[in-house]
Amino acid sequence: LSLNGKELASHADIEDKSQTVTITKPTLSTTAVDGLDADKNLIGEGDVTIVDTVKYKNVTPGKTYKVTGTLYEKVTDKDGKVTKKQLLDADGNP
């Protein structure tokens, strides 16, 4: 490693773990549950609470991350076919 032509550090021994840099990929996962009983089934209409827990690993401290998501309703028709329907707010936005 050099700066303005001056050597700052060298990697002299490829087997030396203290001279090894490991790059890890950040990971993120979420788990959404019913705020009433903590299961994954939300039944009813009107106001409900969904608790979405975000877990992360190997992120950069101090860096800002933004998590966005979309809610879907599981719909089963009379023949048993399962599809999804995007949930919208009162203004018709996802």
Protein backbone atom coordinates (compact mmCIF):
# COMPACT_ATOMS: atom_id res chain seq x y z
CA LEU A 1 0.00 0.00 0.00
CA SER A 2 1.45 3.33 -0.98
CA LEU A 3 0.55 7.01 -0.93
CA ASN A 4 2.27 9.58 -3.16
CA GLY A 5 4.95 7.05 -4.05
CA LYS A 6 5.77 6.20 -0.40
CA GLU A 7 5.19 2.70 0.94
CA LEU A 8 2.80 2.73 3.89
CA ALA A 9 2.39 -1.02 4.39
CA SER A 10 3.31 -4.28 2.71
CA HIS A 11 1.77 -7.71 2.49
CA ALA A 12 4.86 -9.80 2.93
CA ASP A 13 3.44 -13.16 4.01
CA ILE A 14 0.30 -14.47 2.28
CA GLU A 15 -0.16 -17.08 5.05
CA ASP A 16 -0.13 -14.46 7.85
CA LYS A 17 -3.75 -14.01 9.06
CA SER A 18 -2.92 -10.61 10.59
CA GLN A 19 -2.04 -9.41 7.06
CA THR A 20 -5.26 -10.74 5.55
CA VAL A 21 -8.33 -8.64 4.78
CA THR A 22 -11.64 -10.47 4.55
CA ILE A 23 -14.54 -8.80 2.76
CA THR A 24 -17.95 -9.95 3.94
CA LYS A 25 -21.26 -9.34 2.23
CA PRO A 26 -23.90 -7.58 4.35
CA THR A 27 -27.07 -9.59 4.95
CA LEU A 28 -30.53 -8.45 5.96
CA SER A 29 -33.73 -10.28 6.83
CA THR A 30 -37.13 -9.32 8.18
CA THR A 31 -39.85 -11.20 10.00
CA ALA A 32 -43.35 -9.72 10.12
CA VAL A 33 -45.87 -10.97 12.68
CA ASP A 34 -49.30 -10.03 13.98
CA GLY A 35 -48.90 -7.50 16.80
CA LEU A 36 -51.79 -9.08 18.71
CA ASP A 37 -50.60 -12.68 19.09
CA ALA A 38 -47.23 -12.78 17.23
CA ASP A 39 -48.32 -15.33 14.64
CA LYS A 40 -48.14 -14.79 10.89
CA ASN A 41 -51.91 -14.64 10.37
CA LEU A 42 -53.69 -11.30 10.46
CA ILE A 43 -57.43 -11.77 10.57
CA GLY A 44 -59.96 -8.97 10.63
CA GLU A 45 -60.50 -5.55 9.24
CA GLY A 46 -59.81 -2.05 10.45
CA ASP A 47 -56.72 -1.09 12.39
CA VAL A 48 -54.17 -3.82 12.93
CA THR A 49 -50.56 -3.80 14.08
CA ILE A 50 -47.79 -5.62 12.24
CA VAL A 51 -44.45 -5.99 14.00
CA ASP A 52 -41.63 -6.34 11.47
CA THR A 53 -38.27 -7.21 13.01
CA VAL A 54 -35.21 -6.42 10.91
CA LYS A 55 -32.02 -8.43 11.48
CA TYR A 56 -28.73 -7.40 9.91
CA LYS A 57 -25.16 -8.65 9.81
CA ASN A 58 -21.86 -7.34 8.40
CA VAL A 59 -23.09 -3.77 7.85
CA THR A 60 -20.86 -0.71 8.08
CA PRO A 61 -21.19 1.11 11.42
CA GLY A 62 -22.27 4.73 10.96
CA LYS A 63 -23.64 4.16 7.47
CA THR A 64 -27.36 4.79 6.90
CA TYR A 65 -29.44 1.98 5.41
CA LYS A 66 -33.08 2.16 4.30
CA VAL A 67 -35.45 -0.80 4.45
CA THR A 68 -38.60 -0.72 2.34
CA GLY A 69 -41.25 -3.36 1.87
CA THR A 70 -44.67 -4.11 0.47
CA LEU A 71 -47.52 -5.89 2.23
CA TYR A 72 -49.55 -8.52 0.42
CA GLU A 73 -52.73 -10.34 1.29
CA LYS A 74 -52.80 -14.08 0.62
CA VAL A 75 -55.94 -14.81 -1.40
CA THR A 76 -57.36 -18.29 -1.95
CA ASP A 77 -60.09 -18.65 -4.59
CA LYS A 78 -62.96 -21.18 -4.52
CA ASP A 79 -60.82 -23.73 -6.42
CA GLY A 80 -58.00 -23.50 -3.88
CA LYS A 81 -55.66 -21.47 -6.08
CA VAL A 82 -53.51 -19.13 -3.97
CA THR A 83 -52.54 -15.68 -5.24
CA LYS A 84 -51.45 -12.45 -3.63
CA LYS A 85 -53.08 -9.03 -3.53
CA GLN A 86 -51.04 -5.93 -2.75
CA LEU A 87 -52.39 -4.02 0.26
CA LEU A 88 -53.05 -0.32 -0.21
CA ASP A 89 -53.47 2.57 2.21
CA ALA A 90 -56.52 4.84 2.35
CA ASP A 91 -55.10 6.91 -0.53
CA GLY A 92 -54.58 3.87 -2.76
CA ASN A 93 -50.80 3.73 -2.28
CA PRO A 94 -48.92 0.46 -1.64
